[in-house]
Amino acid sequence: MEILDLLIRWLHVTAAVVWIGGNLILAMVIVPYFKKSVAPVERIRILTRIGKQFEPIVWICVMILFFSGLFNVFRAIGGDTEAIKLFMRTLGIKLILFLILVFLTWIHGFIMGPRLRQAVEALDPGTQELPEEIDKMRRSMAVVSSLMGIVSLLVLLAAVALRMGI
C-alpha cells in the first residue's frame, strides 16, 4: 500500500505544481513579457490562445487533485482524536480555498475568457488600442487572475500546514 500512497501523493503534488505553477508562470512571466513587447489587441489574442491551450490541462489537474485529495484524506484519518480535529480543521480550510480557486478558474475560463476572446476577435485586424469596454473586461479578468494567484498561494500554505500538522 505504501507504493500506492506514494504514487497518489506524487500525482497530487504534480497536478498542483502544473496547475498552480502554470498560473503563476503565466501571471509572473508571460503576461509581463507581452505587456512590454506586444500591442494590447494582439497581446490579448495571444494570451487568450495560450489560456485556451492550458485550459484542458487545468481541468485534468483539478480532477486529479480532487480524487487524489479524497484518497489522501481517507488514508490519513485514524489514530489520535486531537490530531484528527486539527487535521480536519486545516483540511477544511484547504478544501474551501481549493473550491474558491476552482470557482475562480471556472469564471476565468468559461465566462470571462470567451467573452474577451470574442470581443477582441470582432475588432478590426488593424486595431492597435483597446476600446474602453474591452479594456474594462481585460481589467476585470486581471483582477480575477490576481485573486487566483493569491488563493493558489494560500492553498499551498494550507497544504504545507497540513503536512506539518498545524
N, C-alpha and C. Protein backbone atom coordinates (compact mmCIF):
# COMPACT_ATOMS: atom_id res chain seq x y z
N MET A 1 0.82 -1.20 0.00
CA MET A 1 0.00 0.00 0.00
C MET A 1 0.86 1.26 0.00
N GLU A 2 2.11 1.15 0.50
CA GLU A 2 2.97 2.32 0.53
C GLU A 2 3.26 2.83 -0.89
N ILE A 3 3.43 1.93 -1.83
CA ILE A 3 3.69 2.33 -3.21
C ILE A 3 2.49 3.09 -3.77
N LEU A 4 1.28 2.60 -3.49
CA LEU A 4 0.07 3.29 -3.94
C LEU A 4 -0.03 4.67 -3.30
N ASP A 5 0.23 4.76 -1.99
CA ASP A 5 0.21 6.05 -1.30
C ASP A 5 1.22 7.02 -1.93
N LEU A 6 2.40 6.52 -2.20
CA LEU A 6 3.44 7.34 -2.82
C LEU A 6 3.00 7.82 -4.20
N LEU A 7 2.46 6.92 -5.00
CA LEU A 7 2.01 7.28 -6.35
C LEU A 7 0.89 8.32 -6.31
N ILE A 8 -0.08 8.12 -5.42
CA ILE A 8 -1.20 9.06 -5.32
C ILE A 8 -0.71 10.43 -4.85
N ARG A 9 0.14 10.43 -3.85
CA ARG A 9 0.68 11.71 -3.36
C ARG A 9 1.49 12.40 -4.44
N TRP A 10 2.28 11.64 -5.20
CA TRP A 10 3.07 12.20 -6.29
C TRP A 10 2.15 12.80 -7.36
N LEU A 11 1.08 12.10 -7.71
CA LEU A 11 0.10 12.63 -8.66
C LEU A 11 -0.52 13.93 -8.14
N HIS A 12 -0.85 13.95 -6.86
CA HIS A 12 -1.46 15.12 -6.23
C HIS A 12 -0.52 16.32 -6.32
N VAL A 13 0.71 16.11 -5.90
CA VAL A 13 1.69 17.21 -5.91
C VAL A 13 2.00 17.66 -7.34
N THR A 14 2.14 16.71 -8.24
CA THR A 14 2.43 17.04 -9.64
C THR A 14 1.29 17.85 -10.26
N ALA A 15 0.05 17.45 -10.01
CA ALA A 15 -1.10 18.20 -10.53
C ALA A 15 -1.13 19.61 -9.96
N ALA A 16 -0.82 19.75 -8.67
CA ALA A 16 -0.78 21.08 -8.04
C ALA A 16 0.32 21.94 -8.66
N VAL A 17 1.47 21.34 -8.88
CA VAL A 17 2.59 22.08 -9.48
C VAL A 17 2.22 22.55 -10.89
N VAL A 18 1.63 21.67 -11.67
CA VAL A 18 1.28 22.03 -13.05
C VAL A 18 0.22 23.13 -13.07
N TRP A 19 -0.85 22.97 -12.28
CA TRP A 19 -1.94 23.94 -12.29
C TRP A 19 -1.50 25.28 -11.70
N ILE A 20 -1.02 25.24 -10.47
CA ILE A 20 -0.67 26.48 -9.80
C ILE A 20 0.59 27.07 -10.42
N GLY A 21 1.55 26.24 -10.70
CA GLY A 21 2.78 26.72 -11.34
C GLY A 21 2.52 27.33 -12.70
N GLY A 22 1.65 26.69 -13.47
CA GLY A 22 1.29 27.23 -14.79
C GLY A 22 0.63 28.59 -14.68
N ASN A 23 -0.29 28.71 -13.71
CA ASN A 23 -0.94 30.01 -13.49
C ASN A 23 0.07 31.08 -13.09
N LEU A 24 0.98 30.73 -12.20
CA LEU A 24 1.96 31.70 -11.74
C LEU A 24 2.94 32.08 -12.86
N ILE A 25 3.35 31.12 -13.67
CA ILE A 25 4.23 31.43 -14.80
C ILE A 25 3.53 32.38 -15.77
N LEU A 26 2.26 32.09 -16.06
CA LEU A 26 1.50 32.98 -16.92
C LEU A 26 1.47 34.40 -16.35
N ALA A 27 1.14 34.49 -15.06
CA ALA A 27 0.95 35.79 -14.42
C ALA A 27 2.25 36.55 -14.19
N MET A 28 3.32 35.82 -13.88
CA MET A 28 4.55 36.49 -13.48
C MET A 28 5.60 36.60 -14.59
N VAL A 29 5.46 35.80 -15.65
CA VAL A 29 6.47 35.82 -16.70
C VAL A 29 5.87 36.17 -18.06
N ILE A 30 4.88 35.39 -18.48
CA ILE A 30 4.35 35.54 -19.84
C ILE A 30 3.60 36.85 -20.02
N VAL A 31 2.66 37.15 -19.11
CA VAL A 31 1.88 38.40 -19.25
C VAL A 31 2.79 39.63 -19.19
N PRO A 32 3.70 39.74 -18.20
CA PRO A 32 4.58 40.92 -18.19
C PRO A 32 5.44 41.04 -19.45
N TYR A 33 5.90 39.91 -19.98
CA TYR A 33 6.69 39.96 -21.21
C TYR A 33 5.87 40.54 -22.36
N PHE A 34 4.66 40.04 -22.54
CA PHE A 34 3.82 40.53 -23.63
C PHE A 34 3.36 41.96 -23.41
N LYS A 35 3.22 42.39 -22.16
CA LYS A 35 2.84 43.78 -21.89
C LYS A 35 3.88 44.74 -22.43
N LYS A 36 5.14 44.33 -22.36
CA LYS A 36 6.23 45.21 -22.79
C LYS A 36 6.51 45.11 -24.29
N SER A 37 6.13 44.01 -24.90
CA SER A 37 6.60 43.78 -26.27
C SER A 37 5.51 43.68 -27.34
N VAL A 38 4.22 43.63 -26.95
CA VAL A 38 3.16 43.41 -27.93
C VAL A 38 2.03 44.41 -27.70
N ALA A 39 1.47 44.92 -28.80
CA ALA A 39 0.34 45.86 -28.71
C ALA A 39 -0.83 45.19 -28.00
N PRO A 40 -1.67 45.98 -27.29
CA PRO A 40 -2.74 45.42 -26.46
C PRO A 40 -3.67 44.43 -27.16
N VAL A 41 -4.11 44.75 -28.36
CA VAL A 41 -5.06 43.86 -29.04
C VAL A 41 -4.40 42.53 -29.38
N GLU A 42 -3.21 42.58 -29.92
CA GLU A 42 -2.50 41.35 -30.27
C GLU A 42 -2.12 40.57 -29.01
N ARG A 43 -1.77 41.28 -27.95
CA ARG A 43 -1.42 40.63 -26.68
C ARG A 43 -2.60 39.80 -26.17
N ILE A 44 -3.80 40.38 -26.20
CA ILE A 44 -4.98 39.65 -25.72
C ILE A 44 -5.26 38.45 -26.62
N ARG A 45 -5.08 38.63 -27.92
CA ARG A 45 -5.29 37.49 -28.83
C ARG A 45 -4.33 36.35 -28.49
N ILE A 46 -3.08 36.68 -28.27
CA ILE A 46 -2.08 35.65 -27.96
C ILE A 46 -2.38 35.01 -26.60
N LEU A 47 -2.64 35.84 -25.60
CA LEU A 47 -2.87 35.31 -24.25
C LEU A 47 -4.14 34.47 -24.16
N THR A 48 -5.18 34.85 -24.90
CA THR A 48 -6.39 34.02 -24.86
C THR A 48 -6.15 32.68 -25.56
N ARG A 49 -5.30 32.67 -26.58
CA ARG A 49 -4.95 31.40 -27.23
C ARG A 49 -4.13 30.52 -26.28
N ILE A 50 -3.20 31.15 -25.57
CA ILE A 50 -2.40 30.39 -24.59
C ILE A 50 -3.32 29.83 -23.51
N GLY A 51 -4.24 30.65 -23.01
CA GLY A 51 -5.19 30.21 -21.99
C GLY A 51 -6.04 29.06 -22.47
N LYS A 52 -6.48 29.12 -23.71
CA LYS A 52 -7.31 28.06 -24.29
C LYS A 52 -6.51 26.75 -24.38
N GLN A 53 -5.22 26.85 -24.71
CA GLN A 53 -4.36 25.66 -24.77
C GLN A 53 -4.15 25.06 -23.38
N PHE A 54 -4.05 25.91 -22.37
CA PHE A 54 -3.77 25.48 -21.00
C PHE A 54 -5.02 24.93 -20.31
N GLU A 55 -6.20 25.34 -20.77
CA GLU A 55 -7.47 25.00 -20.10
C GLU A 55 -7.70 23.50 -19.90
N PRO A 56 -7.52 22.64 -20.91
CA PRO A 56 -7.75 21.20 -20.66
C PRO A 56 -6.79 20.64 -19.61
N ILE A 57 -5.56 21.14 -19.61
CA ILE A 57 -4.57 20.69 -18.63
C ILE A 57 -5.04 21.09 -17.23
N VAL A 58 -5.55 22.31 -17.10
CA VAL A 58 -6.05 22.79 -15.81
C VAL A 58 -7.13 21.87 -15.28
N TRP A 59 -8.12 21.55 -16.10
CA TRP A 59 -9.25 20.76 -15.61
C TRP A 59 -8.86 19.31 -15.34
N ILE A 60 -7.90 18.78 -16.05
CA ILE A 60 -7.36 17.46 -15.72
C ILE A 60 -6.69 17.51 -14.35
N CYS A 61 -5.90 18.56 -14.13
CA CYS A 61 -5.24 18.73 -12.82
C CYS A 61 -6.25 18.87 -11.70
N VAL A 62 -7.31 19.63 -11.93
CA VAL A 62 -8.35 19.81 -10.91
C VAL A 62 -8.95 18.45 -10.54
N MET A 63 -9.25 17.64 -11.53
CA MET A 63 -9.84 16.32 -11.27
C MET A 63 -8.85 15.42 -10.51
N ILE A 64 -7.60 15.44 -10.93
CA ILE A 64 -6.58 14.65 -10.23
C ILE A 64 -6.47 15.11 -8.78
N LEU A 65 -6.44 16.43 -8.57
CA LEU A 65 -6.33 16.96 -7.21
C LEU A 65 -7.53 16.56 -6.36
N PHE A 66 -8.71 16.64 -6.94
CA PHE A 66 -9.92 16.29 -6.19
C PHE A 66 -9.89 14.83 -5.75
N PHE A 67 -9.67 13.92 -6.69
CA PHE A 67 -9.73 12.50 -6.37
C PHE A 67 -8.52 12.03 -5.55
N SER A 68 -7.35 12.52 -5.87
CA SER A 68 -6.18 12.12 -5.07
C SER A 68 -6.27 12.73 -3.67
N GLY A 69 -6.86 13.93 -3.57
CA GLY A 69 -7.07 14.54 -2.26
C GLY A 69 -8.01 13.71 -1.41
N LEU A 70 -9.09 13.23 -2.01
CA LEU A 70 -10.02 12.35 -1.27
C LEU A 70 -9.30 11.10 -0.79
N PHE A 71 -8.53 10.50 -1.68
CA PHE A 71 -7.78 9.30 -1.32
C PHE A 71 -6.85 9.60 -0.15
N ASN A 72 -6.12 10.71 -0.23
CA ASN A 72 -5.17 11.06 0.83
C ASN A 72 -5.88 11.31 2.16
N VAL A 73 -7.05 11.91 2.12
CA VAL A 73 -7.81 12.16 3.35
C VAL A 73 -8.21 10.85 4.00
N PHE A 74 -8.77 9.94 3.22
CA PHE A 74 -9.21 8.66 3.78
C PHE A 74 -8.03 7.84 4.32
N ARG A 75 -6.89 7.97 3.72
CA ARG A 75 -5.69 7.26 4.20
C ARG A 75 -5.14 7.91 5.46
N ALA A 76 -5.31 9.23 5.61
CA ALA A 76 -4.72 9.95 6.74
C ALA A 76 -5.56 9.85 8.01
N ILE A 77 -6.86 9.63 7.87
CA ILE A 77 -7.74 9.60 9.04
C ILE A 77 -7.50 8.32 9.83
N GLY A 78 -7.37 8.51 11.11
CA GLY A 78 -7.14 7.37 12.01
C GLY A 78 -6.17 7.77 13.09
N GLY A 79 -6.33 7.20 14.25
CA GLY A 79 -5.39 7.48 15.32
C GLY A 79 -5.90 8.52 16.30
N ASP A 80 -5.01 9.38 16.73
CA ASP A 80 -5.24 10.38 17.77
C ASP A 80 -6.41 11.31 17.43
N THR A 81 -7.37 11.40 18.33
CA THR A 81 -8.57 12.22 18.10
C THR A 81 -8.23 13.70 18.00
N GLU A 82 -7.35 14.19 18.86
CA GLU A 82 -6.96 15.60 18.83
C GLU A 82 -6.25 15.93 17.51
N ALA A 83 -5.38 15.03 17.07
CA ALA A 83 -4.68 15.23 15.80
C ALA A 83 -5.66 15.24 14.64
N ILE A 84 -6.69 14.40 14.71
CA ILE A 84 -7.70 14.36 13.64
C ILE A 84 -8.46 15.68 13.59
N LYS A 85 -8.81 16.24 14.76
CA LYS A 85 -9.51 17.53 14.79
C LYS A 85 -8.67 18.61 14.12
N LEU A 86 -7.40 18.67 14.48
CA LEU A 86 -6.50 19.66 13.89
C LEU A 86 -6.36 19.43 12.38
N PHE A 87 -6.17 18.18 12.01
CA PHE A 87 -6.05 17.82 10.60
C PHE A 87 -7.30 18.23 9.82
N MET A 88 -8.47 17.92 10.37
CA MET A 88 -9.73 18.22 9.68
C MET A 88 -9.96 19.73 9.57
N ARG A 89 -9.57 20.50 10.59
CA ARG A 89 -9.71 21.95 10.52
C ARG A 89 -8.86 22.52 9.39
N THR A 90 -7.60 22.12 9.37
CA THR A 90 -6.70 22.60 8.32
C THR A 90 -7.15 22.11 6.95
N LEU A 91 -7.58 20.86 6.90
CA LEU A 91 -8.09 20.31 5.64
C LEU A 91 -9.32 21.08 5.17
N GLY A 92 -10.20 21.42 6.11
CA GLY A 92 -11.40 22.20 5.76
C GLY A 92 -11.02 23.55 5.15
N ILE A 93 -10.03 24.20 5.72
CA ILE A 93 -9.56 25.48 5.18
C ILE A 93 -9.00 25.27 3.78
N LYS A 94 -8.18 24.23 3.63
CA LYS A 94 -7.59 23.94 2.31
C LYS A 94 -8.68 23.63 1.29
N LEU A 95 -9.68 22.86 1.69
CA LEU A 95 -10.76 22.49 0.78
C LEU A 95 -11.57 23.72 0.36
N ILE A 96 -11.87 24.60 1.30
CA ILE A 96 -12.60 25.83 0.96
C ILE A 96 -11.79 26.67 -0.02
N LEU A 97 -10.50 26.81 0.24
CA LEU A 97 -9.63 27.57 -0.67
C LEU A 97 -9.57 26.91 -2.06
N PHE A 98 -9.49 25.58 -2.06
CA PHE A 98 -9.47 24.84 -3.34
C PHE A 98 -10.76 25.10 -4.12
N LEU A 99 -11.90 25.04 -3.43
CA LEU A 99 -13.19 25.27 -4.11
C LEU A 99 -13.29 26.70 -4.62
N ILE A 100 -12.79 27.66 -3.86
CA ILE A 100 -12.76 29.06 -4.32
C ILE A 100 -11.90 29.16 -5.57
N LEU A 101 -10.75 28.50 -5.55
CA LEU A 101 -9.86 28.52 -6.71
C LEU A 101 -10.50 27.88 -7.93
N VAL A 102 -11.18 26.77 -7.73
CA VAL A 102 -11.89 26.12 -8.85
C VAL A 102 -12.97 27.05 -9.40
N PHE A 103 -13.71 27.70 -8.52
CA PHE A 103 -14.76 28.63 -8.94
C PHE A 103 -14.16 29.80 -9.73
N LEU A 104 -13.09 30.40 -9.22
CA LEU A 104 -12.43 31.50 -9.94
C LEU A 104 -11.90 31.04 -11.30
N THR A 105 -11.35 29.83 -11.33
CA THR A 105 -10.83 29.28 -12.58
C THR A 105 -11.97 29.06 -13.57
N TRP A 106 -13.10 28.59 -13.07
CA TRP A 106 -14.27 28.38 -13.94
C TRP A 106 -14.75 29.72 -14.52
N ILE A 107 -14.89 30.73 -13.67
CA ILE A 107 -15.32 32.05 -14.14
C ILE A 107 -14.33 32.58 -15.18
N HIS A 108 -13.04 32.47 -14.87
CA HIS A 108 -11.99 32.97 -15.76
C HIS A 108 -12.01 32.24 -17.10
N GLY A 109 -12.13 30.91 -17.05
CA GLY A 109 -12.01 30.11 -18.26
C GLY A 109 -13.27 29.97 -19.09
N PHE A 110 -14.43 29.97 -18.43
CA PHE A 110 -15.67 29.70 -19.16
C PHE A 110 -16.57 30.92 -19.36
N ILE A 111 -16.34 31.97 -18.62
CA ILE A 111 -17.18 33.16 -18.78
C ILE A 111 -16.35 34.34 -19.30
N MET A 112 -15.37 34.75 -18.53
CA MET A 112 -14.61 35.95 -18.88
C MET A 112 -13.73 35.75 -20.12
N GLY A 113 -13.01 34.64 -20.16
CA GLY A 113 -12.11 34.38 -21.28
C GLY A 113 -12.82 34.35 -22.62
N PRO A 114 -13.89 33.55 -22.75
CA PRO A 114 -14.60 33.52 -24.04
C PRO A 114 -15.19 34.87 -24.43
N ARG A 115 -15.72 35.62 -23.45
CA ARG A 115 -16.27 36.94 -23.77
C ARG A 115 -15.18 37.88 -24.28
N LEU A 116 -14.04 37.88 -23.61
CA LEU A 116 -12.95 38.75 -24.04
C LEU A 116 -12.42 38.31 -25.40
N ARG A 117 -12.24 37.02 -25.57
CA ARG A 117 -11.75 36.50 -26.85
C ARG A 117 -12.69 36.88 -27.99
N GLN A 118 -13.99 36.73 -27.77
CA GLN A 118 -14.98 37.07 -28.79
C GLN A 118 -14.96 38.56 -29.11
N ALA A 119 -14.87 39.38 -28.08
CA ALA A 119 -14.84 40.84 -28.28
C ALA A 119 -13.60 41.26 -29.06
N VAL A 120 -12.46 40.67 -28.74
CA VAL A 120 -11.21 41.03 -29.43
C VAL A 120 -11.21 40.52 -30.86
N GLU A 121 -11.72 39.32 -31.07
CA GLU A 121 -11.77 38.77 -32.43
C GLU A 121 -12.69 39.60 -33.33
N ALA A 122 -13.69 40.27 -32.75
CA ALA A 122 -14.62 41.08 -33.53
C ALA A 122 -14.01 42.42 -33.95
N LEU A 123 -12.87 42.78 -33.36
CA LEU A 123 -12.23 44.06 -33.70
C LEU A 123 -11.63 43.99 -35.10
N ASP A 124 -11.50 45.14 -35.70
CA ASP A 124 -10.82 45.27 -36.98
C ASP A 124 -9.38 44.79 -36.79
N PRO A 125 -8.85 43.98 -37.70
CA PRO A 125 -7.49 43.44 -37.53
C PRO A 125 -6.41 44.50 -37.33
N GLY A 126 -6.61 45.68 -37.84
CA GLY A 126 -5.60 46.74 -37.70
C GLY A 126 -5.69 47.52 -36.41
N THR A 127 -6.65 47.21 -35.55
CA THR A 127 -6.85 47.96 -34.31
C THR A 127 -5.63 47.80 -33.40
N GLN A 128 -5.11 48.93 -32.93
CA GLN A 128 -3.93 48.91 -32.06
C GLN A 128 -4.27 49.13 -30.59
N GLU A 129 -5.29 49.95 -30.32
CA GLU A 129 -5.67 50.26 -28.94
C GLU A 129 -7.00 49.59 -28.61
N LEU A 130 -7.13 49.15 -27.38
CA LEU A 130 -8.36 48.50 -26.94
C LEU A 130 -9.46 49.52 -26.71
N PRO A 131 -10.67 49.25 -27.23
CA PRO A 131 -11.80 50.10 -26.88
C PRO A 131 -12.05 50.00 -25.36
N GLU A 132 -12.66 51.02 -24.79
CA GLU A 132 -12.86 51.10 -23.34
C GLU A 132 -13.58 49.87 -22.78
N GLU A 133 -14.64 49.41 -23.45
CA GLU A 133 -15.39 48.26 -22.91
C GLU A 133 -14.54 46.99 -22.88
N ILE A 134 -13.69 46.81 -23.87
CA ILE A 134 -12.82 45.63 -23.89
C ILE A 134 -11.72 45.78 -22.85
N ASP A 135 -11.20 46.99 -22.69
CA ASP A 135 -10.19 47.21 -21.67
C ASP A 135 -10.76 46.96 -20.27
N LYS A 136 -12.01 47.32 -20.08
CA LYS A 136 -12.68 47.06 -18.80
C LYS A 136 -12.79 45.55 -18.57
N MET A 137 -13.13 44.80 -19.61
CA MET A 137 -13.19 43.34 -19.50
C MET A 137 -11.81 42.78 -19.15
N ARG A 138 -10.78 43.31 -19.79
CA ARG A 138 -9.42 42.85 -19.55
C ARG A 138 -9.00 43.13 -18.11
N ARG A 139 -9.36 44.31 -17.61
CA ARG A 139 -9.02 44.66 -16.22
C ARG A 139 -9.75 43.74 -15.23
N SER A 140 -11.02 43.46 -15.51
CA SER A 140 -11.78 42.55 -14.64
C SER A 140 -11.15 41.16 -14.63
N MET A 141 -10.73 40.73 -15.78
CA MET A 141 -10.09 39.42 -15.88
C MET A 141 -8.75 39.42 -15.13
N ALA A 142 -8.05 40.54 -15.18
CA ALA A 142 -6.78 40.65 -14.46
C ALA A 142 -7.01 40.57 -12.95
N VAL A 143 -8.11 41.15 -12.48
CA VAL A 143 -8.43 41.07 -11.05
C VAL A 143 -8.69 39.61 -10.66
N VAL A 144 -9.48 38.91 -11.47
CA VAL A 144 -9.77 37.50 -11.18
C VAL A 144 -8.47 36.69 -11.24
N SER A 145 -7.61 36.97 -12.20
CA SER A 145 -6.32 36.27 -12.29
C SER A 145 -5.48 36.52 -11.05
N SER A 146 -5.47 37.75 -10.57
CA SER A 146 -4.71 38.07 -9.36
C SER A 146 -5.28 37.33 -8.16
N LEU A 147 -6.60 37.29 -8.06
CA LEU A 147 -7.23 36.54 -6.97
C LEU A 147 -6.87 35.05 -7.06
N MET A 148 -6.83 34.53 -8.27
CA MET A 148 -6.44 33.13 -8.46
C MET A 148 -5.02 32.90 -7.95
N GLY A 149 -4.12 33.83 -8.23
CA GLY A 149 -2.75 33.71 -7.75
C GLY A 149 -2.66 33.73 -6.24
N ILE A 150 -3.40 34.65 -5.62
CA ILE A 150 -3.39 34.76 -4.15
C ILE A 150 -3.97 33.50 -3.52
N VAL A 151 -5.11 33.06 -4.03
CA VAL A 151 -5.75 31.86 -3.47
C VAL A 151 -4.86 30.63 -3.71
N SER A 152 -4.19 30.57 -4.86
CA SER A 152 -3.27 29.46 -5.13
C SER A 152 -2.18 29.38 -4.06
N LEU A 153 -1.62 30.53 -3.73
CA LEU A 153 -0.57 30.55 -2.71
C LEU A 153 -1.12 30.18 -1.33
N LEU A 154 -2.36 30.58 -1.05
CA LEU A 154 -2.98 30.20 0.22
C LEU A 154 -3.26 28.70 0.28
N VAL A 155 -3.64 28.11 -0.86
CA VAL A 155 -3.82 26.65 -0.91
C VAL A 155 -2.49 25.95 -0.61
N LEU A 156 -1.42 26.47 -1.20
CA LEU A 156 -0.11 25.88 -0.94
C LEU A 156 0.28 26.03 0.53
N LEU A 157 -0.03 27.18 1.12
CA LEU A 157 0.24 27.38 2.55
C LEU A 157 -0.54 26.38 3.39
N ALA A 158 -1.80 26.20 3.06
CA ALA A 158 -2.63 25.23 3.79
C ALA A 158 -2.08 23.82 3.62
N ALA A 159 -1.58 23.50 2.43
CA ALA A 159 -1.02 22.16 2.20
C ALA A 159 0.23 21.95 3.06
N VAL A 160 1.06 22.96 3.15
CA VAL A 160 2.26 22.85 3.99
C VAL A 160 1.84 22.71 5.46
N ALA A 161 0.86 23.52 5.88
CA ALA A 161 0.37 23.43 7.26
C ALA A 161 -0.20 22.04 7.55
N LEU A 162 -0.88 21.48 6.58
CA LEU A 162 -1.45 20.14 6.73
C LEU A 162 -0.34 19.11 6.93
N ARG A 163 0.70 19.21 6.12
CA ARG A 163 1.82 18.26 6.22
C ARG A 163 2.59 18.42 7.53
N MET A 164 2.59 19.65 8.06
CA MET A 164 3.32 19.91 9.32
C MET A 164 2.45 19.59 10.54
N GLY A 165 1.17 19.32 10.31
CA GLY A 165 0.28 19.00 11.42
C GLY A 165 -0.20 20.23 12.17
N ILE A 166 -0.22 21.36 11.48
CA ILE A 166 -0.66 22.62 12.09
C ILE A 166 -2.14 22.80 11.86
